[in-house]
């Protein structure tokens, strides 16, 4: 089984959903999470604080610098994610469709790199 990252995107500056809409999203996501767990595909998931809470750490030439804010200069940022164990990309995409509907936003699917043989 391969692992896939399903990443939820949020657009910087977009208004936050009203509290009742946000609660609906949370409820829908929890139902999908339970379905994923029951199917045995669950590895890990989590929501993230907004990108402006990030700290970027860079180590170069023996020195480390830390700066506030996101690394990427973009309006779309990672808002949360799932790590799932799926038989193939088709299964991961099917879960992504359910996750996108539940969280009412786009979900990007990316496979993890295969581990080198030992």
PDB file of N, CA and C in Angstrom:
ATOM      1  N   UNK A   1       0.837  -1.182   0.000  1.00  0.00           N
ATOM      2  CA  UNK A   1       0.000   0.000   0.000  1.00  0.00           C
ATOM      3  C   UNK A   1       0.881   1.245   0.000  1.00  0.00           C
ATOM      4  N   UNK A   2       0.481   2.198  -0.766  1.00  0.00           N
ATOM      5  CA  UNK A   2       1.197   3.455  -0.871  1.00  0.00           C
ATOM      6  C   UNK A   2       0.499   4.499   0.000  1.00  0.00           C
ATOM      7  N   UNK A   3       1.272   5.486   0.466  1.00  0.00           N
ATOM      8  CA  UNK A   3       0.676   6.565   1.239  1.00  0.00           C
ATOM      9  C   UNK A   3       0.530   7.801   0.365  1.00  0.00           C
ATOM     10  N   UNK A   4      -0.576   8.524   0.590  1.00  0.00           N
ATOM     11  CA  UNK A   4      -0.879   9.732  -0.168  1.00  0.00           C
ATOM     12  C   UNK A   4      -1.183  10.869   0.785  1.00  0.00           C
ATOM     13  N   UNK A   5      -0.766  12.073   0.389  1.00  0.00           N
ATOM     14  CA  UNK A   5      -1.116  13.278   1.116  1.00  0.00           C
ATOM     15  C   UNK A   5      -2.287  13.935   0.403  1.00  0.00           C
ATOM     16  N   UNK A   6      -3.354  14.173   1.128  1.00  0.00           N
ATOM     17  CA  UNK A   6      -4.496  14.919   0.607  1.00  0.00           C
ATOM     18  C   UNK A   6      -4.456  16.262   1.312  1.00  0.00           C
ATOM     19  N   UNK A   7      -4.139  17.312   0.581  1.00  0.00           N
ATOM     20  CA  UNK A   7      -3.923  18.629   1.165  1.00  0.00           C
ATOM     21  C   UNK A   7      -5.094  19.549   0.854  1.00  0.00           C
ATOM     22  N   UNK A   8      -5.608  20.201   1.891  1.00  0.00           N
ATOM     23  CA  UNK A   8      -6.712  21.147   1.745  1.00  0.00           C
ATOM     24  C   UNK A   8      -6.107  22.537   1.575  1.00  0.00           C
ATOM     25  N   UNK A   9      -6.569  23.251   0.569  1.00  0.00           N
ATOM     26  CA  UNK A   9      -6.042  24.585   0.302  1.00  0.00           C
ATOM     27  C   UNK A   9      -7.017  25.652   0.756  1.00  0.00           C
ATOM     28  N   UNK A  10      -6.461  26.744   1.259  1.00  0.00           N
ATOM     29  CA  UNK A  10      -7.262  27.904   1.599  1.00  0.00           C
ATOM     30  C   UNK A  10      -6.640  29.110   0.904  1.00  0.00           C
ATOM     31  N   UNK A  11      -7.442  30.078   0.551  1.00  0.00           N
ATOM     32  CA  UNK A  11      -6.957  31.243  -0.163  1.00  0.00           C
ATOM     33  C   UNK A  11      -6.844  32.407   0.813  1.00  0.00           C
ATOM     34  N   UNK A  12      -5.637  32.966   0.886  1.00  0.00           N
ATOM     35  CA  UNK A  12      -5.381  34.097   1.769  1.00  0.00           C
ATOM     36  C   UNK A  12      -6.327  35.248   1.453  1.00  0.00           C
ATOM     37  N   UNK A  13      -6.884  35.829   2.484  1.00  0.00           N
ATOM     38  CA  UNK A  13      -7.778  36.964   2.296  1.00  0.00           C
ATOM     39  C   UNK A  13      -9.231  36.582   2.083  1.00  0.00           C
ATOM     40  N   UNK A  14      -9.499  35.298   1.843  1.00  0.00           N
ATOM     41  CA  UNK A  14     -10.886  34.870   1.703  1.00  0.00           C
ATOM     42  C   UNK A  14     -11.578  35.009   3.054  1.00  0.00           C
ATOM     43  N   UNK A  15     -12.825  35.440   3.040  1.00  0.00           N
ATOM     44  CA  UNK A  15     -13.515  35.584   4.325  1.00  0.00           C
ATOM     45  C   UNK A  15     -13.718  34.220   4.982  1.00  0.00           C
ATOM     46  N   UNK A  16     -13.644  34.227   6.302  1.00  0.00           N
ATOM     47  CA  UNK A  16     -13.911  33.005   7.050  1.00  0.00           C
ATOM     48  C   UNK A  16     -15.392  32.679   6.925  1.00  0.00           C
ATOM     49  N   UNK A  17     -15.728  31.396   6.810  1.00  0.00           N
ATOM     50  CA  UNK A  17     -17.146  31.033   6.760  1.00  0.00           C
ATOM     51  C   UNK A  17     -17.858  31.428   8.050  1.00  0.00           C
ATOM     52  N   UNK A  18     -19.132  31.655   7.939  1.00  0.00           N
ATOM     53  CA  UNK A  18     -19.947  31.944   9.113  1.00  0.00           C
ATOM     54  C   UNK A  18     -19.861  30.751  10.075  1.00  0.00           C
ATOM     55  N   UNK A  19     -20.060  30.994  11.378  1.00  0.00           N
ATOM     56  CA  UNK A  19     -19.928  29.902  12.357  1.00  0.00           C
ATOM     57  C   UNK A  19     -20.784  28.678  12.051  1.00  0.00           C
ATOM     58  N   UNK A  20     -22.005  28.863  11.553  1.00  0.00           N
ATOM     59  CA  UNK A  20     -22.847  27.697  11.257  1.00  0.00           C
ATOM     60  C   UNK A  20     -22.310  26.912  10.069  1.00  0.00           C
ATOM     61  N   UNK A  21     -21.740  27.598   9.098  1.00  0.00           N
ATOM     62  CA  UNK A  21     -21.138  26.919   7.938  1.00  0.00           C
ATOM     63  C   UNK A  21     -19.870  26.192   8.378  1.00  0.00           C
ATOM     64  N   UNK A  22     -19.079  26.839   9.227  1.00  0.00           N
ATOM     65  CA  UNK A  22     -17.853  26.208   9.734  1.00  0.00           C
ATOM     66  C   UNK A  22     -18.192  24.945  10.517  1.00  0.00           C
ATOM     67  N   UNK A  23     -19.228  24.994  11.347  1.00  0.00           N
ATOM     68  CA  UNK A  23     -19.627  23.816  12.114  1.00  0.00           C
ATOM     69  C   UNK A  23     -20.085  22.694  11.184  1.00  0.00           C
ATOM     70  N   UNK A  24     -20.815  23.059  10.124  1.00  0.00           N
ATOM     71  CA  UNK A  24     -21.246  22.056   9.140  1.00  0.00           C
ATOM     72  C   UNK A  24     -20.029  21.383   8.516  1.00  0.00           C
ATOM     73  N   UNK A  25     -19.011  22.175   8.165  1.00  0.00           N
ATOM     74  CA  UNK A  25     -17.785  21.621   7.584  1.00  0.00           C
ATOM     75  C   UNK A  25     -17.115  20.665   8.573  1.00  0.00           C
ATOM     76  N   UNK A  26     -16.988  21.090   9.831  1.00  0.00           N
ATOM     77  CA  UNK A  26     -16.360  20.231  10.847  1.00  0.00           C
ATOM     78  C   UNK A  26     -17.111  18.909  10.974  1.00  0.00           C
ATOM     79  N   UNK A  27     -18.432  18.972  11.020  1.00  0.00           N
ATOM     80  CA  UNK A  27     -19.251  17.762  11.147  1.00  0.00           C
ATOM     81  C   UNK A  27     -19.076  16.846   9.942  1.00  0.00           C
ATOM     82  N   UNK A  28     -19.088  17.432   8.750  1.00  0.00           N
ATOM     83  CA  UNK A  28     -18.932  16.638   7.526  1.00  0.00           C
ATOM     84  C   UNK A  28     -17.551  15.990   7.466  1.00  0.00           C
ATOM     85  N   UNK A  29     -16.522  16.748   7.828  1.00  0.00           N
ATOM     86  CA  UNK A  29     -15.161  16.203   7.810  1.00  0.00           C
ATOM     87  C   UNK A  29     -15.036  15.064   8.820  1.00  0.00           C
ATOM     88  N   UNK A  30     -15.631  15.221   9.987  1.00  0.00           N
ATOM     89  CA  UNK A  30     -15.540  14.145  10.985  1.00  0.00           C
ATOM     90  C   UNK A  30     -16.234  12.879  10.489  1.00  0.00           C
ATOM     91  N   UNK A  31     -17.350  13.022   9.763  1.00  0.00           N
ATOM     92  CA  UNK A  31     -18.014  11.834   9.190  1.00  0.00           C
ATOM     93  C   UNK A  31     -17.115  11.146   8.166  1.00  0.00           C
ATOM     94  N   UNK A  32     -16.439  11.935   7.321  1.00  0.00           N
ATOM     95  CA  UNK A  32     -15.515  11.349   6.337  1.00  0.00           C
ATOM     96  C   UNK A  32     -14.325  10.719   7.063  1.00  0.00           C
ATOM     97  N   UNK A  33     -13.818  11.393   8.085  1.00  0.00           N
ATOM     98  CA  UNK A  33     -12.704  10.821   8.860  1.00  0.00           C
ATOM     99  C   UNK A  33     -13.078   9.452   9.421  1.00  0.00           C
ATOM    100  N   UNK A  34     -14.271   9.333   9.953  1.00  0.00           N
ATOM    101  CA  UNK A  34     -14.717   8.053  10.511  1.00  0.00           C
ATOM    102  C   UNK A  34     -14.819   6.995   9.406  1.00  0.00           C
ATOM    103  N   UNK A  35     -15.293   7.397   8.244  1.00  0.00           N
ATOM    104  CA  UNK A  35     -15.376   6.470   7.110  1.00  0.00           C
ATOM    105  C   UNK A  35     -13.981   5.999   6.699  1.00  0.00           C
ATOM    106  N   UNK A  36     -13.014   6.921   6.678  1.00  0.00           N
ATOM    107  CA  UNK A  36     -11.636   6.579   6.331  1.00  0.00           C
ATOM    108  C   UNK A  36     -11.058   5.607   7.366  1.00  0.00           C
ATOM    109  N   UNK A  37     -11.292   5.896   8.648  1.00  0.00           N
ATOM    110  CA  UNK A  37     -10.797   5.006   9.712  1.00  0.00           C
ATOM    111  C   UNK A  37     -11.396   3.601   9.578  1.00  0.00           C
ATOM    112  N   UNK A  38     -12.708   3.544   9.371  1.00  0.00           N
ATOM    113  CA  UNK A  38     -13.394   2.256   9.247  1.00  0.00           C
ATOM    114  C   UNK A  38     -12.850   1.457   8.063  1.00  0.00           C
ATOM    115  N   UNK A  39     -12.503   2.146   6.977  1.00  0.00           N
ATOM    116  CA  UNK A  39     -11.968   1.480   5.790  1.00  0.00           C
ATOM    117  C   UNK A  39     -10.510   1.049   5.968  1.00  0.00           C
ATOM    118  N   UNK A  40      -9.865   1.504   7.041  1.00  0.00           N
ATOM    119  CA  UNK A  40      -8.465   1.128   7.277  1.00  0.00           C
ATOM    120  C   UNK A  40      -7.463   1.956   6.499  1.00  0.00           C
ATOM    121  N   UNK A  41      -7.881   3.074   5.928  1.00  0.00           N
ATOM    122  CA  UNK A  41      -6.982   3.910   5.131  1.00  0.00           C
ATOM    123  C   UNK A  41      -6.332   5.027   5.958  1.00  0.00           C
ATOM    124  N   UNK A  42      -6.822   5.249   7.177  1.00  0.00           N
ATOM    125  CA  UNK A  42      -6.353   6.356   8.021  1.00  0.00           C
ATOM    126  C   UNK A  42      -4.916   6.153   8.469  1.00  0.00           C
ATOM    127  N   UNK A  43      -4.077   7.182   8.304  1.00  0.00           N
ATOM    128  CA  UNK A  43      -2.745   7.212   8.889  1.00  0.00           C
ATOM    129  C   UNK A  43      -2.676   8.379   9.868  1.00  0.00           C
ATOM    130  N   UNK A  44      -3.001   9.591   9.384  1.00  0.00           N
ATOM    131  CA  UNK A  44      -2.914  10.786  10.212  1.00  0.00           C
ATOM    132  C   UNK A  44      -3.607  11.926   9.483  1.00  0.00           C
ATOM    133  N   UNK A  45      -4.110  12.901  10.232  1.00  0.00           N
ATOM    134  CA  UNK A  45      -4.709  14.097   9.631  1.00  0.00           C
ATOM    135  C   UNK A  45      -4.631  15.238  10.622  1.00  0.00           C
ATOM    136  N   UNK A  46      -4.744  16.449  10.108  1.00  0.00           N
ATOM    137  CA  UNK A  46      -4.756  17.604  10.995  1.00  0.00           C
ATOM    138  C   UNK A  46      -5.041  18.883  10.248  1.00  0.00           C
ATOM    139  N   UNK A  47      -5.625  19.825  10.949  1.00  0.00           N
ATOM    140  CA  UNK A  47      -5.824  21.165  10.417  1.00  0.00           C
ATOM    141  C   UNK A  47      -4.661  22.035  10.857  1.00  0.00           C
ATOM    142  N   UNK A  48      -4.412  23.091  10.097  1.00  0.00           N
ATOM    143  CA  UNK A  48      -3.297  23.980  10.399  1.00  0.00           C
ATOM    144  C   UNK A  48      -3.792  25.390  10.702  1.00  0.00           C
ATOM    145  N   UNK A  49      -3.059  26.086  11.544  1.00  0.00           N
ATOM    146  CA  UNK A  49      -3.327  27.490  11.789  1.00  0.00           C
ATOM    147  C   UNK A  49      -3.013  28.273  10.512  1.00  0.00           C
ATOM    148  N   UNK A  50      -3.493  29.510  10.379  1.00  0.00           N
ATOM    149  CA  UNK A  50      -3.220  30.293   9.165  1.00  0.00           C
ATOM    150  C   UNK A  50      -1.727  30.446   8.888  1.00  0.00           C
ATOM    151  N   UNK A  51      -1.389  30.652   7.622  1.00  0.00           N
ATOM    152  CA  UNK A  51       0.010  30.732   7.194  1.00  0.00           C
ATOM    153  C   UNK A  51       0.771  31.861   7.874  1.00  0.00           C
ATOM    154  N   UNK A  52       0.090  32.911   8.295  1.00  0.00           N
ATOM    155  CA  UNK A  52       0.811  34.016   8.935  1.00  0.00           C
ATOM    156  C   UNK A  52       1.303  33.662  10.340  1.00  0.00           C
ATOM    157  N   UNK A  53       0.969  32.466  10.835  1.00  0.00           N
ATOM    158  CA  UNK A  53       1.499  32.005  12.125  1.00  0.00           C
ATOM    159  C   UNK A  53       2.793  31.203  11.943  1.00  0.00           C
ATOM    160  N   UNK A  54       3.217  30.998  10.707  1.00  0.00           N
ATOM    161  CA  UNK A  54       4.391  30.171  10.406  1.00  0.00           C
ATOM    162  C   UNK A  54       5.697  30.879  10.779  1.00  0.00           C
ATOM    163  N   UNK A  55       6.714  30.072  11.048  1.00  0.00           N
ATOM    164  CA  UNK A  55       8.086  30.542  11.183  1.00  0.00           C
ATOM    165  C   UNK A  55       8.921  29.721  10.210  1.00  0.00           C
ATOM    166  N   UNK A  56       9.715  30.402   9.394  1.00  0.00           N
ATOM    167  CA  UNK A  56      10.571  29.724   8.424  1.00  0.00           C
ATOM    168  C   UNK A  56      11.975  29.640   9.007  1.00  0.00           C
ATOM    169  N   UNK A  57      12.530  28.425   9.045  1.00  0.00           N
ATOM    170  CA  UNK A  57      13.865  28.182   9.578  1.00  0.00           C
ATOM    171  C   UNK A  57      14.773  27.801   8.419  1.00  0.00           C
ATOM    172  N   UNK A  58      15.893  28.520   8.293  1.00  0.00           N
ATOM    173  CA  UNK A  58      16.859  28.243   7.226  1.00  0.00           C
ATOM    174  C   UNK A  58      18.235  28.018   7.854  1.00  0.00           C
ATOM    175  N   UNK A  59      18.878  26.925   7.466  1.00  0.00           N
ATOM    176  CA  UNK A  59      20.244  26.652   7.908  1.00  0.00           C
ATOM    177  C   UNK A  59      21.141  26.661   6.693  1.00  0.00           C
ATOM    178  N   UNK A  60      22.097  27.585   6.678  1.00  0.00           N
ATOM    179  CA  UNK A  60      23.034  27.700   5.558  1.00  0.00           C
ATOM    180  C   UNK A  60      24.410  28.052   6.089  1.00  0.00           C
ATOM    181  N   UNK A  61      25.405  27.316   5.645  1.00  0.00           N
ATOM    182  CA  UNK A  61      26.783  27.629   6.013  1.00  0.00           C
ATOM    183  C   UNK A  61      27.037  27.670   7.506  1.00  0.00           C
ATOM    184  N   UNK A  62      26.360  26.839   8.256  1.00  0.00           N
ATOM    185  CA  UNK A  62      26.590  26.765   9.685  1.00  0.00           C
ATOM    186  C   UNK A  62      25.800  27.762  10.514  1.00  0.00           C
ATOM    187  N   UNK A  63      25.019  28.626   9.873  1.00  0.00           N
ATOM    188  CA  UNK A  63      24.196  29.555  10.653  1.00  0.00           C
ATOM    189  C   UNK A  63      22.723  29.317  10.353  1.00  0.00           C
ATOM    190  N   UNK A  64      21.901  29.626  11.330  1.00  0.00           N
ATOM    191  CA  UNK A  64      20.466  29.422  11.206  1.00  0.00           C
ATOM    192  C   UNK A  64      19.764  30.759  11.345  1.00  0.00           C
ATOM    193  N   UNK A  65      18.816  31.018  10.460  1.00  0.00           N
ATOM    194  CA  UNK A  65      17.985  32.208  10.568  1.00  0.00           C
ATOM    195  C   UNK A  65      16.534  31.777  10.675  1.00  0.00           C
ATOM    196  N   UNK A  66      15.749  32.599  11.348  1.00  0.00           N
ATOM    197  CA  UNK A  66      14.321  32.340  11.499  1.00  0.00           C
ATOM    198  C   UNK A  66      13.575  33.622  11.147  1.00  0.00           C
ATOM    199  N   UNK A  67      12.552  33.477  10.309  1.00  0.00           N
ATOM    200  CA  UNK A  67      11.749  34.628   9.921  1.00  0.00           C
ATOM    201  C   UNK A  67      10.274  34.288  10.085  1.00  0.00           C
ATOM    202  N   UNK A  68       9.491  35.301  10.387  1.00  0.00           N
ATOM    203  CA  UNK A  68       8.053  35.120  10.535  1.00  0.00           C
ATOM    204  C   UNK A  68       7.380  35.018   9.180  1.00  0.00           C
ATOM    205  N   UNK A  69       6.248  34.323   9.176  1.00  0.00           N
ATOM    206  CA  UNK A  69       5.421  34.259   7.974  1.00  0.00           C
ATOM    207  C   UNK A  69       5.695  33.043   7.135  1.00  0.00           C
ATOM    208  N   UNK A  70       4.855  32.827   6.161  1.00  0.00           N
ATOM    209  CA  UNK A  70       5.001  31.635   5.319  1.00  0.00           C
ATOM    210  C   UNK A  70       6.220  31.723   4.411  1.00  0.00           C
ATOM    211  N   UNK A  71       6.718  30.561   4.032  1.00  0.00           N
ATOM    212  CA  UNK A  71       7.845  30.474   3.105  1.00  0.00           C
ATOM    213  C   UNK A  71       7.420  30.899   1.705  1.00  0.00           C
ATOM    214  N   UNK A  72       6.281  30.387   1.257  1.00  0.00           N
ATOM    215  CA  UNK A  72       5.834  30.621  -0.113  1.00  0.00           C
ATOM    216  C   UNK A  72       5.151  31.972  -0.246  1.00  0.00           C
ATOM    217  N   UNK A  73       5.475  32.680  -1.310  1.00  0.00           N
ATOM    218  CA  UNK A  73       4.802  33.937  -1.653  1.00  0.00           C
ATOM    219  C   UNK A  73       3.631  33.583  -2.564  1.00  0.00           C
ATOM    220  N   UNK A  74       2.517  33.256  -1.959  1.00  0.00           N
ATOM    221  CA  UNK A  74       1.352  32.824  -2.718  1.00  0.00           C
ATOM    222  C   UNK A  74       0.099  33.138  -1.938  1.00  0.00           C
ATOM    223  N   UNK A  75      -1.004  33.224  -2.617  1.00  0.00           N
ATOM    224  CA  UNK A  75      -2.275  33.462  -1.936  1.00  0.00           C
ATOM    225  C   UNK A  75      -2.894  32.154  -1.448  1.00  0.00           C
ATOM    226  N   UNK A  76      -2.531  31.031  -2.061  1.00  0.00           N
ATOM    227  CA  UNK A  76      -3.059  29.740  -1.626  1.00  0.00           C
ATOM    228  C   UNK A  76      -2.073  29.092  -0.669  1.00  0.00           C
ATOM    229  N   UNK A  77      -2.582  28.674   0.468  1.00  0.00           N
ATOM    230  CA  UNK A  77      -1.749  28.045   1.482  1.00  0.00           C
ATOM    231  C   UNK A  77      -2.397  26.752   1.941  1.00  0.00           C
ATOM    232  N   UNK A  78      -1.595  25.897   2.533  1.00  0.00           N
ATOM    233  CA  UNK A  78      -2.084  24.639   3.081  1.00  0.00           C
ATOM    234  C   UNK A  78      -2.898  24.924   4.340  1.00  0.00           C
ATOM    235  N   UNK A  79      -4.138  24.424   4.360  1.00  0.00           N
ATOM    236  CA  UNK A  79      -5.017  24.654   5.503  1.00  0.00           C
ATOM    237  C   UNK A  79      -5.162  23.433   6.402  1.00  0.00           C
ATOM    238  N   UNK A  80      -4.882  22.270   5.866  1.00  0.00           N
ATOM    239  CA  UNK A  80      -4.988  21.026   6.610  1.00  0.00           C
ATOM    240  C   UNK A  80      -4.644  19.876   5.687  1.00  0.00           C
ATOM    241  N   UNK A  81      -4.646  18.671   6.231  1.00  0.00           N
ATOM    242  CA  UNK A  81      -4.227  17.541   5.407  1.00  0.00           C
ATOM    243  C   UNK A  81      -4.682  16.221   6.008  1.00  0.00           C
ATOM    244  N   UNK A  82      -4.682  15.225   5.150  1.00  0.00           N
ATOM    245  CA  UNK A  82      -4.845  13.826   5.547  1.00  0.00           C
ATOM    246  C   UNK A  82      -3.655  13.067   4.978  1.00  0.00           C
ATOM    247  N   UNK A  83      -3.168  12.075   5.694  1.00  0.00           N
ATOM    248  CA  UNK A  83      -2.229  11.094   5.154  1.00  0.00           C
ATOM    249  C   UNK A  83      -2.988   9.776   5.163  1.00  0.00           C
ATOM    250  N   UNK A  84      -3.156   9.201   3.972  1.00  0.00           N
ATOM    251  CA  UNK A  84      -3.942   7.971   3.841  1.00  0.00           C
ATOM    252  C   UNK A  84      -3.101   6.867   3.226  1.00  0.00           C
ATOM    253  N   UNK A  85      -3.428   5.646   3.580  1.00  0.00           N
ATOM    254  CA  UNK A  85      -2.815   4.462   2.990  1.00  0.00           C
ATOM    255  C   UNK A  85      -3.819   3.905   1.997  1.00  0.00           C
ATOM    256  N   UNK A  86      -3.448   3.923   0.705  1.00  0.00           N
ATOM    257  CA  UNK A  86      -4.371   3.508  -0.357  1.00  0.00           C
ATOM    258  C   UNK A  86      -3.695   2.506  -1.280  1.00  0.00           C
ATOM    259  N   UNK A  87      -4.501   1.663  -1.894  1.00  0.00           N
ATOM    260  CA  UNK A  87      -3.971   0.666  -2.819  1.00  0.00           C
ATOM    261  C   UNK A  87      -3.359   1.325  -4.052  1.00  0.00           C
ATOM    262  N   UNK A  88      -3.955   2.448  -4.491  1.00  0.00           N
ATOM    263  CA  UNK A  88      -3.475   3.107  -5.705  1.00  0.00           C
ATOM    264  C   UNK A  88      -4.011   4.535  -5.766  1.00  0.00           C
ATOM    265  N   UNK A  89      -3.602   5.256  -6.804  1.00  0.00           N
ATOM    266  CA  UNK A  89      -4.018   6.645  -6.970  1.00  0.00           C
ATOM    267  C   UNK A  89      -5.531   6.769  -7.109  1.00  0.00           C
ATOM    268  N   UNK A  90      -6.156   5.834  -7.785  1.00  0.00           N
ATOM    269  CA  UNK A  90      -7.610   5.908  -7.950  1.00  0.00           C
ATOM    270  C   UNK A  90      -8.328   5.909  -6.603  1.00  0.00           C
ATOM    271  N   UNK A  91      -7.873   5.076  -5.681  1.00  0.00           N
ATOM    272  CA  UNK A  91      -8.485   5.052  -4.355  1.00  0.00           C
ATOM    273  C   UNK A  91      -8.246   6.382  -3.637  1.00  0.00           C
ATOM    274  N   UNK A  92      -7.022   6.923  -3.736  1.00  0.00           N
ATOM    275  CA  UNK A  92      -6.711   8.211  -3.110  1.00  0.00           C
ATOM    276  C   UNK A  92      -7.581   9.324  -3.684  1.00  0.00           C
ATOM    277  N   UNK A  93      -7.799   9.306  -4.988  1.00  0.00           N
ATOM    278  CA  UNK A  93      -8.636  10.327  -5.628  1.00  0.00           C
ATOM    279  C   UNK A  93     -10.096  10.204  -5.196  1.00  0.00           C
ATOM    280  N   UNK A  94     -10.558   8.987  -4.997  1.00  0.00           N
ATOM    281  CA  UNK A  94     -11.934   8.792  -4.524  1.00  0.00           C
ATOM    282  C   UNK A  94     -12.096   9.369  -3.119  1.00  0.00           C
ATOM    283  N   UNK A  95     -11.104   9.150  -2.241  1.00  0.00           N
ATOM    284  CA  UNK A  95     -11.155   9.741  -0.912  1.00  0.00           C
ATOM    285  C   UNK A  95     -11.077  11.267  -1.009  1.00  0.00           C
ATOM    286  N   UNK A  96     -10.236  11.767  -1.895  1.00  0.00           N
ATOM    287  CA  UNK A  96     -10.087  13.223  -2.047  1.00  0.00           C
ATOM    288  C   UNK A  96     -11.409  13.867  -2.458  1.00  0.00           C
ATOM    289  N   UNK A  97     -12.178  13.200  -3.311  1.00  0.00           N
ATOM    290  CA  UNK A  97     -13.480  13.740  -3.721  1.00  0.00           C
ATOM    291  C   UNK A  97     -14.395  13.869  -2.502  1.00  0.00           C
ATOM    292  N   UNK A  98     -14.399  12.858  -1.647  1.00  0.00           N
ATOM    293  CA  UNK A  98     -15.231  12.918  -0.436  1.00  0.00           C
ATOM    294  C   UNK A  98     -14.716  13.996   0.520  1.00  0.00           C
ATOM    295  N   UNK A  99     -13.410  14.103   0.648  1.00  0.00           N
ATOM    296  CA  UNK A  99     -12.820  15.102   1.540  1.00  0.00           C
ATOM    297  C   UNK A  99     -13.095  16.519   1.035  1.00  0.00           C
ATOM    298  N   UNK A 100     -12.991  16.724  -0.265  1.00  0.00           N
ATOM    299  CA  UNK A 100     -13.256  18.036  -0.842  1.00  0.00           C
ATOM    300  C   UNK A 100     -14.699  18.462  -0.608  1.00  0.00           C
ATOM    301  N   UNK A 101     -15.608  17.528  -0.800  1.00  0.00           N
ATOM    302  CA  UNK A 101     -17.021  17.835  -0.561  1.00  0.00           C
ATOM    303  C   UNK A 101     -17.247  18.167   0.914  1.00  0.00           C
ATOM    304  N   UNK A 102     -16.633  17.396   1.803  1.00  0.00           N
ATOM    305  CA  UNK A 102     -16.833  17.597   3.240  1.00  0.00           C
ATOM    306  C   UNK A 102     -16.286  18.932   3.718  1.00  0.00           C
ATOM    307  N   UNK A 103     -15.092  19.300   3.254  1.00  0.00           N
ATOM    308  CA  UNK A 103     -14.487  20.540   3.747  1.00  0.00           C
ATOM    309  C   UNK A 103     -14.808  21.738   2.865  1.00  0.00           C
ATOM    310  N   UNK A 104     -15.565  21.488   1.807  1.00  0.00           N
ATOM    311  CA  UNK A 104     -16.025  22.562   0.924  1.00  0.00           C
ATOM    312  C   UNK A 104     -14.869  23.366   0.330  1.00  0.00           C
ATOM    313  N   UNK A 105     -13.820  22.662  -0.063  1.00  0.00           N
ATOM    314  CA  UNK A 105     -12.661  23.327  -0.654  1.00  0.00           C
ATOM    315  C   UNK A 105     -11.859  22.360  -1.496  1.00  0.00           C
ATOM    316  N   UNK A 106     -10.918  22.893  -2.259  1.00  0.00           N
ATOM    317  CA  UNK A 106     -10.093  22.029  -3.110  1.00  0.00           C
ATOM    318  C   UNK A 106      -9.148  21.163  -2.284  1.00  0.00           C
ATOM    319  N   UNK A 107      -8.901  19.958  -2.767  1.00  0.00           N
ATOM    320  CA  UNK A 107      -7.988  19.018  -2.114  1.00  0.00           C
ATOM    321  C   UNK A 107      -6.996  18.528  -3.169  1.00  0.00           C
ATOM    322  N   UNK A 108      -5.723  18.705  -2.884  1.00  0.00           N
ATOM    323  CA  UNK A 108      -4.652  18.243  -3.767  1.00  0.00           C
ATOM    324  C   UNK A 108      -4.190  16.875  -3.293  1.00  0.00           C
ATOM    325  N   UNK A 109      -3.926  15.965  -4.230  1.00  0.00           N
ATOM    326  CA  UNK A 109      -3.473  14.610  -3.891  1.00  0.00           C
ATOM    327  C   UNK A 109      -2.045  14.431  -4.399  1.00  0.00           C
ATOM    328  N   UNK A 110      -1.166  13.992  -3.490  1.00  0.00           N
ATOM    329  CA  UNK A 110       0.222  13.734  -3.874  1.00  0.00           C
ATOM    330  C   UNK A 110       0.702  12.449  -3.225  1.00  0.00           C
ATOM    331  N   UNK A 111       1.344  11.567  -3.997  1.00  0.00           N
ATOM    332  CA  UNK A 111       1.896  10.354  -3.408  1.00  0.00           C
ATOM    333  C   UNK A 111       3.189  10.655  -2.659  1.00  0.00           C
ATOM    334  N   UNK A 112       3.426   9.901  -1.593  1.00  0.00           N
ATOM    335  CA  UNK A 112       4.714   9.970  -0.926  1.00  0.00           C
ATOM    336  C   UNK A 112       5.728   9.261  -1.807  1.00  0.00           C
ATOM    337  N   UNK A 113       6.987   9.669  -1.697  1.00  0.00           N
ATOM    338  CA  UNK A 113       8.037   8.974  -2.421  1.00  0.00           C
ATOM    339  C   UNK A 113       8.178   7.580  -1.841  1.00  0.00           C
ATOM    340  N   UNK A 114       8.472   6.626  -2.720  1.00  0.00           N
ATOM    341  CA  UNK A 114       8.705   5.262  -2.242  1.00  0.00           C
ATOM    342  C   UNK A 114      10.007   5.233  -1.447  1.00  0.00           C
ATOM    343  N   UNK A 115       9.996   4.442  -0.385  1.00  0.00           N
ATOM    344  CA  UNK A 115      11.220   4.294   0.394  1.00  0.00           C
ATOM    345  C   UNK A 115      12.177   3.393  -0.358  1.00  0.00           C
ATOM    346  N   UNK A 116      13.468   3.744  -0.338  1.00  0.00           N
ATOM    347  CA  UNK A 116      14.436   2.880  -1.033  1.00  0.00           C
ATOM    348  C   UNK A 116      14.516   1.518  -0.362  1.00  0.00           C
ATOM    349  N   UNK A 117      14.750   0.473  -1.153  1.00  0.00           N
ATOM    350  CA  UNK A 117      14.857  -0.867  -0.559  1.00  0.00           C
ATOM    351  C   UNK A 117      16.059  -0.946   0.381  1.00  0.00           C
ATOM    352  N   UNK A 118      15.925  -1.743   1.426  1.00  0.00           N
ATOM    353  CA  UNK A 118      17.021  -1.905   2.396  1.00  0.00           C
ATOM    354  C   UNK A 118      17.837  -3.110   2.120  1.00  0.00           C
TER     355      UNK A 118
END
